[in-house]
């Protein structure tokens, strides 16, 4: 998935102000989006020591493209994507280099490189230290560039028949076989698959390698083509500097190193260079292995529990409803409650207005597990919390991905009905691409969060970033699903564009914070006291800001967590994260 350019309509200013109406933080600071007419819209950037303005104008009040922003350092830096032809040229250049330096045949050089995992320095060092030992390990101690012929008839070592001299062939080791048997042996090795580049002489326990030059002479063209493909795949699989793109039907290869967390392929697939799976920042590869294994064992159980049980409002024991009555009694604590609203059954009598007076939504605070409660139950509930949200973002990511074609159709309809240029409607595609990216990252934040120690300042800071990204992603999703009539309005397009940009900022904030080890801006580990309690000079500023989200029309403007321990008059310090 490509990181798409942001597009701003007209001339707008995104600023941080004091003492004006808008998004208020708990210390009196406000985060407001305002256009030049003074009308407030949405908010969400981080302040600096001095006020900053984020504006774009094409000079005519219309839409204009912004250059493609550089990818986040955690996402796609240091990765080069090449096709099969470029890969083959790279492999050939390495073989030729070793052949020239060591003055050996290219096929012998390829065998040495394959044995030493295509590490050029290891090959040269080993060969210069003890060339005979290096050749013996690589299976080319008796290497010859051409097939050997016999001066007399012999018994074929495979079919065990007497064969005339002209029909016998052998490698440098001198083990003769009839040409037909040798050819069939090599064909069968290619048919076995990936191991064919490591084929050795058919003679029992003979270490001599059958190198490419012999395949070229003995096997049919189609078999040779398969052998060369397997050789190329083996090169990528063995060499740590390369990784096949895991995209379906994709033949591109990424070049990088094991520290690279994600690589963006030309096919649009964003994958982890280290493990070859979908890019899973901020979760580590080790966490993903553990999580996937855990989900294999517990996801079906989790799905059934979520669909068929509820927690007792008093003791949090999971309860399955196996009869028709909504009057429930917990077997653990004997608490009686209503299955519909989960309220006490004592509030459902005639004196309280009827047995089923539970039609109003009243969210209750989560029940804290008893200190002496069963650890297994507490761990299951914790896992269900993270798994449910992980699965929710996974499904939302799939939905946003499937919407790409529908977005294209909506863009064409909007262009036809509104008379807009194609560039003017790109904001819909950019917003959807950002949604796919944010859903993917949010999905893996729950894997990362699951393995973070509970009750630590690091986890509180991480969840703060996670919350900000989540609420802006949800609101951007809601905005992008508005009717085409709404998108004919210039202010609605501007809102989508700027929410896309601000959501990108929160995404960078979260990834940057994790990259920094969830430490404060001075590089200190925030295990003691927490980031909320640190004084202004030594505390991270948290996320970039806030804005209207979801139910903003009903709730007004949301309040951000305190970012300033010194009071409302002081400005929030920058936390070292990217700006909008």
Protein backbone atom coordinates (compact mmCIF):
# COMPACT_ATOMS: atom_id res chain seq x y z
CA UNK A 1 0.00 0.00 0.00
CA UNK A 2 1.55 3.20 -1.12
CA UNK A 3 1.72 6.21 1.20
CA UNK A 4 -0.36 8.70 -0.67
CA UNK A 5 0.01 12.45 -1.06
CA UNK A 6 -2.12 14.76 1.00
CA UNK A 7 -4.27 17.29 -0.84
CA UNK A 8 -5.47 20.56 0.64
CA UNK A 9 -8.32 22.57 -0.83
CA UNK A 10 -8.15 26.33 -0.73
CA UNK A 11 -6.06 28.17 1.83
CA UNK A 12 -6.43 26.89 5.38
CA UNK A 13 -4.57 27.28 8.61
CA UNK A 14 -4.12 24.60 11.23
CA UNK A 15 -2.90 26.20 14.43
CA UNK A 16 -2.60 25.90 18.20
CA UNK A 17 -4.19 28.77 20.13
CA UNK A 18 -4.74 29.91 23.71
CA UNK A 19 -7.83 31.46 25.21
CA UNK A 20 -10.15 30.90 22.22
CA UNK A 21 -13.13 28.61 21.77
CA UNK A 22 -12.35 25.14 20.48
CA UNK A 23 -10.86 21.91 21.70
CA UNK A 24 -9.85 22.38 25.31
CA UNK A 25 -7.28 20.29 27.09
CA UNK A 26 -7.38 19.74 30.79
CA UNK A 27 -4.76 22.43 31.35
CA UNK A 28 -6.62 25.12 29.44
CA UNK A 29 -4.92 24.78 26.08
CA UNK A 30 -7.06 24.46 22.96
CA UNK A 31 -6.57 22.76 19.59
CA UNK A 32 -8.66 24.31 16.85
CA UNK A 33 -8.83 24.06 13.12
CA UNK A 34 -9.77 27.35 11.54
CA UNK A 35 -10.07 28.58 7.97
CA UNK A 36 -9.37 32.16 6.94
CA UNK A 37 -12.99 33.22 7.52
CA UNK A 38 -12.63 32.37 11.21
CA UNK A 39 -15.01 29.41 11.08
CA UNK A 40 -13.90 26.55 13.29
CA UNK A 41 -13.71 23.05 11.90
CA UNK A 42 -11.60 20.18 13.26
CA UNK A 43 -8.45 20.21 15.31
CA UNK A 44 -5.32 18.25 15.76
CA UNK A 45 -1.70 19.41 15.61
CA UNK A 46 1.03 19.71 18.10
CA UNK A 47 2.30 23.07 19.36
CA UNK A 48 5.92 24.21 19.46
CA UNK A 49 7.83 26.88 21.35
CA UNK A 50 6.31 29.34 18.89
CA UNK A 51 3.00 29.10 17.04
CA UNK A 52 3.19 27.21 13.77
CA UNK A 53 0.82 27.37 10.82
CA UNK A 54 0.20 24.51 8.44
CA UNK A 55 -1.26 25.84 5.25
CA UNK A 56 -1.49 25.06 1.59
CA UNK A 57 -2.87 27.11 -1.26
CA UNK A 58 -2.76 26.65 -5.01
CA UNK A 59 -3.32 30.33 -5.53
CA UNK A 60 -6.74 29.87 -7.10
CA UNK A 61 -8.72 28.34 -4.24
CA UNK A 62 -8.85 24.95 -5.98
CA UNK A 63 -7.33 21.56 -5.30
CA UNK A 64 -3.70 20.91 -6.05
CA UNK A 65 -1.48 17.92 -5.31
CA UNK A 66 1.10 17.88 -2.58
CA UNK A 67 4.33 15.93 -3.27
CA UNK A 68 4.43 12.38 -1.95
CA UNK A 69 5.60 12.51 1.68
CA UNK A 70 8.58 10.40 2.71
CA UNK A 71 7.60 7.12 4.38
CA UNK A 72 7.92 6.72 8.12
CA UNK A 73 11.31 5.37 9.17
CA UNK A 74 9.56 2.37 10.72
CA UNK A 75 7.62 1.61 7.59
CA UNK A 76 9.59 1.44 4.38
CA UNK A 77 13.09 2.97 4.59
CA UNK A 78 16.14 1.21 3.16
CA UNK A 79 14.22 -1.20 0.94
CA UNK A 80 14.78 -1.63 -2.79
CA UNK A 81 12.37 -3.74 -4.85
CA UNK A 82 13.65 -5.51 -7.99
CA UNK A 83 12.19 -7.93 -10.52
CA UNK A 84 13.44 -11.40 -11.51
CA UNK A 85 15.70 -10.10 -14.31
CA UNK A 86 17.43 -7.63 -11.98
CA UNK A 87 17.77 -10.37 -9.37
CA UNK A 88 19.35 -12.75 -11.89
CA UNK A 89 21.77 -10.01 -12.95
CA UNK A 90 22.67 -9.37 -9.30
CA UNK A 91 23.35 -13.05 -8.68
CA UNK A 92 25.41 -13.37 -11.88
CA UNK A 93 27.47 -10.30 -10.99
CA UNK A 94 28.30 -11.79 -7.58
CA UNK A 95 29.30 -15.11 -9.17
CA UNK A 96 31.46 -13.39 -11.79
CA UNK A 97 33.12 -11.30 -9.10
CA UNK A 98 34.13 -14.36 -7.07
CA UNK A 99 35.18 -16.19 -10.25
CA UNK A 100 37.46 -13.31 -11.20
CA UNK A 101 38.95 -12.78 -7.74
CA UNK A 102 39.66 -16.49 -7.09
CA UNK A 103 40.43 -17.37 -10.74
CA UNK A 104 37.97 -20.28 -10.83
CA UNK A 105 35.17 -21.37 -13.15
CA UNK A 106 31.85 -19.46 -12.60
CA UNK A 107 30.00 -22.72 -11.82
CA UNK A 108 32.58 -23.56 -9.16
CA UNK A 109 32.26 -20.02 -7.80
CA UNK A 110 28.46 -20.48 -7.59
CA UNK A 111 28.90 -23.71 -5.61
CA UNK A 112 31.25 -21.98 -3.17
CA UNK A 113 28.87 -19.05 -2.71
CA UNK A 114 25.92 -21.38 -2.16
CA UNK A 115 27.83 -23.30 0.51
CA UNK A 116 28.81 -20.09 2.32
CA UNK A 117 25.28 -18.64 2.13
CA UNK A 118 26.22 -16.24 -0.67
CA UNK A 119 28.52 -14.33 1.65
CA UNK A 120 31.30 -12.94 -0.52
CA UNK A 121 33.66 -12.17 2.36
CA UNK A 122 33.29 -15.66 3.85
CA UNK A 123 34.06 -17.29 0.50
CA UNK A 124 37.20 -15.23 -0.09
CA UNK A 125 38.42 -15.66 3.49
CA UNK A 126 37.90 -19.44 3.51
CA UNK A 127 39.36 -19.96 0.04
CA UNK A 128 42.46 -17.89 0.73
CA UNK A 129 43.01 -19.64 4.09
CA UNK A 130 42.69 -23.20 2.74
CA UNK A 131 41.47 -23.57 -0.86
CA UNK A 132 41.37 -27.38 -0.78
CA UNK A 133 39.23 -27.43 2.35
CA UNK A 134 36.89 -24.79 0.92
CA UNK A 135 36.49 -26.78 -2.31
CA UNK A 136 35.92 -30.01 -0.43
CA UNK A 137 33.17 -28.45 1.72
CA UNK A 138 31.48 -27.00 -1.35
CA UNK A 139 31.65 -30.32 -3.25
CA UNK A 140 33.96 -29.14 -6.06
CA UNK A 141 37.23 -30.79 -5.05
CA UNK A 142 37.38 -32.60 -8.42
CA UNK A 143 35.45 -30.02 -10.42
CA UNK A 144 35.86 -30.08 -14.20
CA UNK A 145 33.98 -27.80 -16.61
CA UNK A 146 32.97 -30.62 -19.00
CA UNK A 147 31.54 -34.14 -18.68
CA UNK A 148 34.12 -36.89 -18.60
CA UNK A 149 33.97 -39.72 -21.16
CA UNK A 150 35.16 -43.30 -20.77
CA UNK A 151 37.81 -45.07 -22.80
CA UNK A 152 36.06 -48.41 -22.47
CA UNK A 153 32.67 -49.93 -21.78
CA UNK A 154 31.60 -50.21 -18.13
CA UNK A 155 28.74 -51.24 -15.89
CA UNK A 156 26.30 -48.36 -15.29
CA UNK A 157 26.02 -47.63 -11.58
CA UNK A 158 22.25 -46.97 -11.85
CA UNK A 159 20.72 -49.47 -14.28
CA UNK A 160 23.48 -52.05 -13.66
CA UNK A 161 23.85 -52.89 -17.34
CA UNK A 162 26.94 -53.02 -19.50
CA UNK A 163 27.17 -49.79 -21.50
CA UNK A 164 29.54 -48.97 -24.38
CA UNK A 165 32.19 -46.30 -23.81
CA UNK A 166 30.51 -43.66 -26.01
CA UNK A 167 27.31 -43.79 -23.91
CA UNK A 168 29.03 -43.28 -20.53
CA UNK A 169 29.48 -39.92 -18.77
CA UNK A 170 30.91 -38.85 -15.41
CA UNK A 171 31.71 -35.79 -13.29
CA UNK A 172 35.24 -34.97 -12.21
CA UNK A 173 34.97 -37.72 -9.56
CA UNK A 174 35.06 -40.36 -12.34
CA UNK A 175 31.88 -42.28 -11.39
CA UNK A 176 30.48 -43.34 -14.78
CA UNK A 177 26.81 -43.78 -15.60
CA UNK A 178 25.00 -44.19 -18.89
CA UNK A 179 23.83 -40.86 -20.26
CA UNK A 180 20.16 -41.80 -20.12
CA UNK A 181 20.29 -42.79 -16.44
CA UNK A 182 22.28 -39.68 -15.49
CA UNK A 183 19.78 -37.47 -17.32
CA UNK A 184 16.80 -39.16 -15.68
CA UNK A 185 18.48 -38.79 -12.28
CA UNK A 186 18.90 -35.03 -12.78
CA UNK A 187 15.34 -34.63 -14.08
CA UNK A 188 13.98 -36.39 -11.00
CA UNK A 189 16.03 -34.08 -8.73
CA UNK A 190 14.55 -31.00 -10.45
CA UNK A 191 11.07 -32.47 -10.06
CA UNK A 192 11.69 -32.80 -6.32
CA UNK A 193 11.90 -29.02 -6.11
CA UNK A 194 14.02 -26.51 -4.23
CA UNK A 195 16.86 -28.88 -3.34
CA UNK A 196 17.99 -29.46 -6.94
CA UNK A 197 20.82 -26.84 -6.88
CA UNK A 198 22.47 -29.03 -4.21
CA UNK A 199 22.35 -32.24 -6.30
CA UNK A 200 25.41 -34.45 -5.91
CA UNK A 201 26.86 -37.34 -7.90
CA UNK A 202 24.55 -40.39 -8.07
CA UNK A 203 27.32 -42.58 -6.64
CA UNK A 204 26.64 -43.55 -3.02
CA UNK A 205 28.20 -41.02 -0.61
CA UNK A 206 30.07 -39.19 -3.35
CA UNK A 207 30.35 -35.51 -2.32
CA UNK A 208 30.91 -34.11 -5.83
CA UNK A 209 28.39 -31.40 -6.74
CA UNK A 210 26.48 -31.47 -10.04
CA UNK A 211 26.93 -27.85 -11.07
CA UNK A 212 24.94 -25.81 -13.57
CA UNK A 213 27.19 -26.60 -16.53
CA UNK A 214 26.27 -30.30 -16.32
CA UNK A 215 22.54 -29.55 -16.12
CA UNK A 216 22.87 -27.44 -19.25
CA UNK A 217 24.40 -30.38 -21.14
CA UNK A 218 22.22 -33.24 -19.90
CA UNK A 219 18.63 -32.12 -19.18
CA UNK A 220 15.88 -30.93 -21.58
CA UNK A 221 15.23 -27.21 -22.02
CA UNK A 222 12.09 -27.16 -19.86
CA UNK A 223 13.87 -28.94 -17.02
CA UNK A 224 16.83 -26.56 -17.29
CA UNK A 225 14.46 -23.57 -17.03
CA UNK A 226 12.97 -25.06 -13.85
CA UNK A 227 16.45 -25.67 -12.44
CA UNK A 228 17.42 -22.03 -13.08
CA UNK A 229 14.22 -20.83 -11.36
CA UNK A 230 14.95 -22.99 -8.32
CA UNK A 231 18.53 -21.70 -8.27
CA UNK A 232 17.23 -18.13 -8.22
CA UNK A 233 14.75 -18.93 -5.45
CA UNK A 234 17.48 -20.67 -3.49
CA UNK A 235 19.65 -17.57 -3.84
CA UNK A 236 16.91 -15.41 -2.29
CA UNK A 237 16.03 -17.94 0.43
CA UNK A 238 19.65 -18.40 1.52
CA UNK A 239 20.89 -14.82 1.18
CA UNK A 240 19.74 -12.67 4.11
CA UNK A 241 19.84 -9.51 2.00
CA UNK A 242 16.84 -10.60 -0.10
CA UNK A 243 13.21 -11.45 0.58
CA UNK A 244 10.44 -12.54 -1.79
CA UNK A 245 7.32 -10.41 -1.70
CA UNK A 246 4.57 -12.53 -0.07
CA UNK A 247 1.87 -10.92 -2.24
CA UNK A 248 -0.27 -13.38 -4.18
CA UNK A 249 1.26 -14.02 -7.61
CA UNK A 250 4.01 -11.42 -7.07
CA UNK A 251 7.53 -12.17 -8.34
CA UNK A 252 9.25 -9.05 -7.01
CA UNK A 253 12.13 -9.28 -4.55
CA UNK A 254 13.09 -6.83 -1.81
CA UNK A 255 16.69 -5.95 -0.99
CA UNK A 256 17.44 -4.80 2.55
CA UNK A 257 18.65 -6.05 5.91
CA UNK A 258 17.21 -7.89 8.87
CA UNK A 259 16.65 -4.69 10.86
CA UNK A 260 14.12 -3.47 8.29
CA UNK A 261 10.65 -3.65 9.80
CA UNK A 262 8.63 -3.18 6.61
CA UNK A 263 9.07 -3.00 2.86
CA UNK A 264 6.64 -1.65 0.29
CA UNK A 265 6.54 -3.79 -2.87
CA UNK A 266 5.64 -2.46 -6.32
CA UNK A 267 2.54 -4.65 -6.19
CA UNK A 268 1.27 -2.65 -3.21
CA UNK A 269 2.03 -5.27 -0.55
CA UNK A 270 3.60 -3.90 2.64
CA UNK A 271 5.44 -6.71 4.38
CA UNK A 272 7.96 -7.35 7.12
CA UNK A 273 11.41 -7.93 5.62
CA UNK A 274 12.52 -10.00 8.58
CA UNK A 275 9.74 -12.62 8.71
CA UNK A 276 8.03 -12.19 5.32
CA UNK A 277 4.55 -11.65 6.78
CA UNK A 278 2.29 -8.60 6.48
CA UNK A 279 3.98 -5.55 8.03
CA UNK A 280 3.11 -5.69 11.71
CA UNK A 281 4.64 -2.59 13.32
CA UNK A 282 4.62 -1.88 16.19
CA UNK A 283 4.49 -5.58 17.17
CA UNK A 284 7.78 -7.49 16.92
CA UNK A 285 8.26 -10.66 14.88
CA UNK A 286 8.70 -12.65 18.10
CA UNK A 287 5.43 -11.28 19.49
CA UNK A 288 3.65 -12.12 16.24
CA UNK A 289 4.83 -15.74 16.35
CA UNK A 290 3.54 -16.07 19.90
CA UNK A 291 0.29 -14.24 19.09
CA UNK A 292 -0.48 -16.27 15.97
CA UNK A 293 0.12 -19.49 17.86
CA UNK A 294 -2.07 -18.29 20.71
CA UNK A 295 -4.86 -17.31 18.30
CA UNK A 296 -4.71 -20.71 16.60
CA UNK A 297 -5.30 -22.37 19.94
CA UNK A 298 -7.74 -19.92 21.45
CA UNK A 299 -9.45 -17.82 18.74
CA UNK A 300 -12.34 -20.25 18.15
CA UNK A 301 -12.87 -20.53 21.86
CA UNK A 302 -12.71 -16.75 22.12
CA UNK A 303 -15.25 -16.27 19.32
CA UNK A 304 -17.67 -18.71 20.96
CA UNK A 305 -17.26 -17.08 24.36
CA UNK A 306 -17.84 -13.59 22.96
CA UNK A 307 -20.92 -14.73 21.06
CA UNK A 308 -22.54 -16.89 23.74
CA UNK A 309 -21.53 -15.63 27.18
CA UNK A 310 -21.57 -12.48 29.28
CA UNK A 311 -19.84 -11.44 32.49
CA UNK A 312 -21.65 -11.47 35.79
CA UNK A 313 -22.00 -7.76 36.74
CA UNK A 314 -20.79 -8.52 40.25
CA UNK A 315 -17.98 -11.09 40.08
CA UNK A 316 -17.20 -11.01 36.30
CA UNK A 317 -17.63 -14.78 35.94
CA UNK A 318 -18.51 -15.75 32.35
CA UNK A 319 -22.10 -17.04 32.13
CA UNK A 320 -23.87 -18.91 29.34
CA UNK A 321 -27.63 -18.46 28.99
CA UNK A 322 -29.09 -21.95 28.46
CA UNK A 323 -32.79 -21.27 29.23
CA UNK A 324 -35.38 -18.78 27.99
CA UNK A 325 -35.87 -16.63 31.09
CA UNK A 326 -33.94 -13.35 31.35
CA UNK A 327 -33.80 -13.62 35.16
CA UNK A 328 -30.25 -14.85 35.71
CA UNK A 329 -28.56 -16.08 38.88
CA UNK A 330 -24.78 -16.35 38.98
CA UNK A 331 -23.69 -19.71 40.39
CA UNK A 332 -20.44 -18.19 41.60
CA UNK A 333 -21.70 -15.28 43.71
CA UNK A 334 -25.50 -15.89 43.58
CA UNK A 335 -26.08 -12.38 42.20
CA UNK A 336 -29.42 -12.01 40.38
CA UNK A 337 -29.50 -9.81 37.30
CA UNK A 338 -31.27 -9.18 33.98
CA UNK A 339 -29.71 -10.82 30.90
CA UNK A 340 -30.91 -7.95 28.68
CA UNK A 341 -29.51 -4.92 30.49
CA UNK A 342 -27.19 -6.72 32.96
CA UNK A 343 -28.74 -4.63 35.76
CA UNK A 344 -29.73 -5.97 39.22
CA UNK A 345 -32.97 -7.93 39.14
CA UNK A 346 -34.16 -5.95 42.16
CA UNK A 347 -34.60 -2.99 39.81
CA UNK A 348 -36.96 -4.96 37.57
CA UNK A 349 -39.86 -5.41 39.97
CA UNK A 350 -43.28 -3.74 39.86
CA UNK A 351 -42.19 -1.07 42.31
CA UNK A 352 -39.47 0.10 39.92
CA UNK A 353 -41.69 0.48 36.86
CA UNK A 354 -41.96 -3.05 35.49
CA UNK A 355 -39.89 -6.14 34.92
CA UNK A 356 -38.42 -5.01 31.61
CA UNK A 357 -37.75 -1.34 32.15
CA UNK A 358 -34.23 -1.63 30.72
CA UNK A 359 -34.54 0.06 27.35
CA UNK A 360 -32.00 2.82 27.97
CA UNK A 361 -28.34 2.36 27.18
CA UNK A 362 -26.23 2.86 30.30
CA UNK A 363 -22.61 1.72 29.90
CA UNK A 364 -21.17 0.36 33.10
CA UNK A 365 -17.58 0.54 34.19
CA UNK A 366 -15.60 -2.68 33.77
CA UNK A 367 -15.70 -4.92 36.82
CA UNK A 368 -12.27 -5.27 38.43
CA UNK A 369 -11.19 -8.82 39.00
CA UNK A 370 -11.03 -9.78 42.60
CA UNK A 371 -7.55 -9.91 44.02
CA UNK A 372 -7.98 -13.56 44.89
CA UNK A 373 -9.82 -14.46 41.66
CA UNK A 374 -8.75 -17.25 39.40
CA UNK A 375 -5.73 -16.26 37.30
CA UNK A 376 -6.89 -18.34 34.37
CA UNK A 377 -10.20 -16.45 34.17
CA UNK A 378 -8.47 -13.08 34.42
CA UNK A 379 -6.00 -13.99 31.68
CA UNK A 380 -8.80 -15.22 29.41
CA UNK A 381 -10.71 -11.98 29.88
CA UNK A 382 -7.57 -10.01 29.12
CA UNK A 383 -6.92 -12.02 25.98
CA UNK A 384 -10.55 -11.58 24.85
CA UNK A 385 -10.21 -7.83 25.24
CA UNK A 386 -7.19 -7.64 22.94
CA UNK A 387 -8.33 -10.32 20.51
CA UNK A 388 -11.75 -8.72 19.99
CA UNK A 389 -10.21 -5.37 19.10
CA UNK A 390 -7.48 -6.98 16.98
CA UNK A 391 -10.12 -8.88 15.03
CA UNK A 392 -12.31 -5.78 14.68
CA UNK A 393 -9.52 -3.74 13.06
CA UNK A 394 -8.58 -6.72 10.88
CA UNK A 395 -12.11 -6.84 9.49
CA UNK A 396 -12.19 -3.06 9.10
CA UNK A 397 -8.89 -3.24 7.19
CA UNK A 398 -10.32 -5.88 4.86
CA UNK A 399 -13.43 -3.77 4.31
CA UNK A 400 -11.40 -0.65 3.50
CA UNK A 401 -9.26 -2.67 1.09
CA UNK A 402 -12.35 -4.02 -0.68
CA UNK A 403 -13.67 -0.46 -0.95
CA UNK A 404 -10.89 0.59 -3.32
CA UNK A 405 -12.90 -0.22 -6.45
CA UNK A 406 -16.01 1.42 -5.02
CA UNK A 407 -13.95 4.53 -4.21
CA UNK A 408 -12.84 4.70 -7.85
CA UNK A 409 -16.47 4.56 -8.98
CA UNK A 410 -17.49 7.25 -6.50
CA UNK A 411 -14.66 9.47 -7.70
CA UNK A 412 -15.84 9.10 -11.31
CA UNK A 413 -19.46 9.84 -10.37
CA UNK A 414 -18.42 12.87 -8.35
CA UNK A 415 -16.31 14.12 -11.23
CA UNK A 416 -19.18 13.68 -13.70
CA UNK A 417 -21.88 15.29 -11.55
CA UNK A 418 -19.79 18.11 -10.11
CA UNK A 419 -17.60 18.94 -13.10
CA UNK A 420 -14.47 18.51 -10.99
CA UNK A 421 -11.07 17.63 -12.33
CA UNK A 422 -9.71 14.15 -11.61
CA UNK A 423 -7.12 15.64 -9.26
CA UNK A 424 -9.94 17.35 -7.33
CA UNK A 425 -11.50 14.04 -6.27
CA UNK A 426 -8.28 12.26 -5.30
CA UNK A 427 -8.94 13.11 -1.65
CA UNK A 428 -11.31 10.12 -1.45
CA UNK A 429 -8.64 7.68 -2.61
CA UNK A 430 -6.01 9.21 -0.34
CA UNK A 431 -8.35 8.99 2.66
CA UNK A 432 -9.17 5.33 1.99
CA UNK A 433 -5.50 4.42 1.59
CA UNK A 434 -4.78 6.11 4.90
CA UNK A 435 -7.63 4.15 6.50
CA UNK A 436 -6.18 0.85 5.27
CA UNK A 437 -2.78 1.78 6.69
CA UNK A 438 -4.15 2.97 10.04
CA UNK A 439 -6.38 -0.09 10.43
CA UNK A 440 -3.39 -2.35 9.82
CA UNK A 441 -1.23 -0.52 12.37
CA UNK A 442 -4.06 -0.35 14.92
CA UNK A 443 -4.63 -4.08 14.49
CA UNK A 444 -1.07 -4.81 15.52
CA UNK A 445 -1.06 -2.23 18.33
CA UNK A 446 -3.25 -4.69 20.21
CA UNK A 447 -0.65 -7.42 19.75
CA UNK A 448 2.04 -5.01 20.95
CA UNK A 449 -0.12 -3.83 23.85
CA UNK A 450 -0.98 -7.36 24.92
CA UNK A 451 2.69 -8.10 25.64
CA UNK A 452 3.44 -4.74 27.31
CA UNK A 453 3.64 -5.01 31.11
CA UNK A 454 0.46 -3.81 32.80
CA UNK A 455 0.41 -0.72 35.00
CA UNK A 456 3.61 0.84 33.64
CA UNK A 457 4.10 4.39 32.41
CA UNK A 458 5.21 2.98 29.07
CA UNK A 459 1.89 1.28 28.58
CA UNK A 460 -0.04 4.39 29.60
CA UNK A 461 1.87 6.47 27.08
CA UNK A 462 1.39 3.85 24.38
CA UNK A 463 -2.35 3.63 25.03
CA UNK A 464 -2.56 7.42 24.89
CA UNK A 465 -1.07 7.40 21.37
CA UNK A 466 -3.23 4.41 20.45
CA UNK A 467 -6.40 6.15 21.62
CA UNK A 468 -5.66 9.28 19.61
CA UNK A 469 -4.96 7.35 16.42
CA UNK A 470 -8.03 5.18 16.95
CA UNK A 471 -10.52 7.99 17.42
CA UNK A 472 -9.24 9.97 14.43
CA UNK A 473 -9.24 6.84 12.28
CA UNK A 474 -12.85 6.14 13.23
CA UNK A 475 -13.90 9.69 12.43
CA UNK A 476 -12.02 9.68 9.11
CA UNK A 477 -13.80 6.43 8.26
CA UNK A 478 -17.14 8.07 9.01
CA UNK A 479 -16.25 11.14 6.96
CA UNK A 480 -15.16 9.11 3.94
CA UNK A 481 -18.52 7.33 3.82
CA UNK A 482 -20.57 10.50 3.39
CA UNK A 483 -22.86 10.86 0.39
CA UNK A 484 -21.63 12.34 -2.89
CA UNK A 485 -23.90 15.32 -2.31
CA UNK A 486 -21.90 16.13 0.81
CA UNK A 487 -18.62 15.95 -1.10
CA UNK A 488 -19.84 18.57 -3.54
CA UNK A 489 -19.38 21.02 -0.69
CA UNK A 490 -15.92 22.54 -0.55
CA UNK A 491 -15.85 22.57 3.26
CA UNK A 492 -16.61 18.84 3.43
CA UNK A 493 -13.75 18.04 1.05
CA UNK A 494 -11.45 20.22 3.13
CA UNK A 495 -12.53 18.39 6.27
CA UNK A 496 -11.70 15.00 4.76
CA UNK A 497 -8.36 16.26 3.45
CA UNK A 498 -7.28 17.76 6.74
CA UNK A 499 -8.49 14.83 8.82
CA UNK A 500 -6.41 12.62 6.54
CA UNK A 501 -3.35 14.75 7.24
CA UNK A 502 -3.94 14.92 10.98
CA UNK A 503 -4.58 11.17 11.18
CA UNK A 504 -1.24 10.66 9.40
CA UNK A 505 0.38 12.77 12.12
CA UNK A 506 -1.07 10.62 14.89
CA UNK A 507 0.12 7.51 13.06
CA UNK A 508 3.66 8.89 12.93
CA UNK A 509 3.43 9.91 16.59
CA UNK A 510 2.59 6.37 17.67
CA UNK A 511 5.29 4.71 15.54
CA UNK A 512 7.90 7.26 16.57
CA UNK A 513 7.05 6.78 20.24
CA UNK A 514 7.46 3.00 19.94
CA UNK A 515 10.71 3.44 17.99
CA UNK A 516 12.05 5.60 20.82
CA UNK A 517 11.27 2.83 23.30
CA UNK A 518 8.38 4.77 24.88
CA UNK A 519 10.84 7.00 26.68
CA UNK A 520 10.67 10.70 27.47
CA UNK A 521 12.32 13.28 25.26
CA UNK A 522 15.53 13.13 27.33
CA UNK A 523 15.84 9.40 26.64
CA UNK A 524 14.90 8.44 30.19
CA UNK A 525 13.02 5.26 30.99
CA UNK A 526 9.64 6.32 32.37
CA UNK A 527 9.07 3.47 34.78
CA UNK A 528 8.95 5.65 37.88
CA UNK A 529 6.29 8.28 38.37
CA UNK A 530 4.74 8.01 34.91
CA UNK A 531 4.78 10.49 32.07
CA UNK A 532 1.68 12.24 33.39
CA UNK A 533 3.43 13.27 36.58
CA UNK A 534 6.76 14.46 35.15
CA UNK A 535 7.54 18.14 35.11
CA UNK A 536 7.31 20.00 31.81
CA UNK A 537 11.03 19.96 30.83
CA UNK A 538 11.36 16.18 31.19
CA UNK A 539 7.99 14.94 29.97
CA UNK A 540 6.80 13.83 26.55
CA UNK A 541 4.05 15.95 25.10
CA UNK A 542 1.97 12.94 24.12
CA UNK A 543 -0.02 12.98 20.92
CA UNK A 544 -0.29 15.84 18.48
CA UNK A 545 -3.68 17.13 19.56
CA UNK A 546 -7.37 16.41 19.43
CA UNK A 547 -10.41 17.05 17.35
CA UNK A 548 -14.04 16.28 16.84
CA UNK A 549 -14.63 12.58 16.46
CA UNK A 550 -17.60 10.26 16.04
CA UNK A 551 -20.31 11.69 18.23
CA UNK A 552 -18.92 15.24 18.22
CA UNK A 553 -22.28 16.70 17.27
CA UNK A 554 -23.73 15.45 20.58
CA UNK A 555 -20.74 15.77 22.88
CA UNK A 556 -19.27 19.03 21.62
CA UNK A 557 -15.50 19.04 21.63
CA UNK A 558 -13.53 16.31 23.37
CA UNK A 559 -11.04 17.00 26.10
CA UNK A 560 -7.42 15.92 25.75
CA UNK A 561 -5.31 14.50 28.57
CA UNK A 562 -3.23 17.03 30.47
CA UNK A 563 -0.06 17.92 28.58
CA UNK A 564 1.33 20.60 30.84
CA UNK A 565 2.15 20.18 34.48
CA UNK A 566 2.89 23.89 34.88
CA UNK A 567 -0.63 25.17 34.22
CA UNK A 568 -2.71 26.45 31.34
CA UNK A 569 -0.47 29.36 30.41
CA UNK A 570 2.53 27.29 29.39
CA UNK A 571 2.87 25.85 25.92
CA UNK A 572 3.13 22.11 25.30
CA UNK A 573 6.62 21.04 24.34
CA UNK A 574 7.24 19.04 21.21
CA UNK A 575 7.79 15.32 21.77
CA UNK A 576 10.07 14.70 18.81
CA UNK A 577 7.28 13.34 16.60
CA UNK A 578 6.26 14.29 13.08
CA UNK A 579 4.06 17.29 12.33
CA UNK A 580 0.90 17.29 10.26
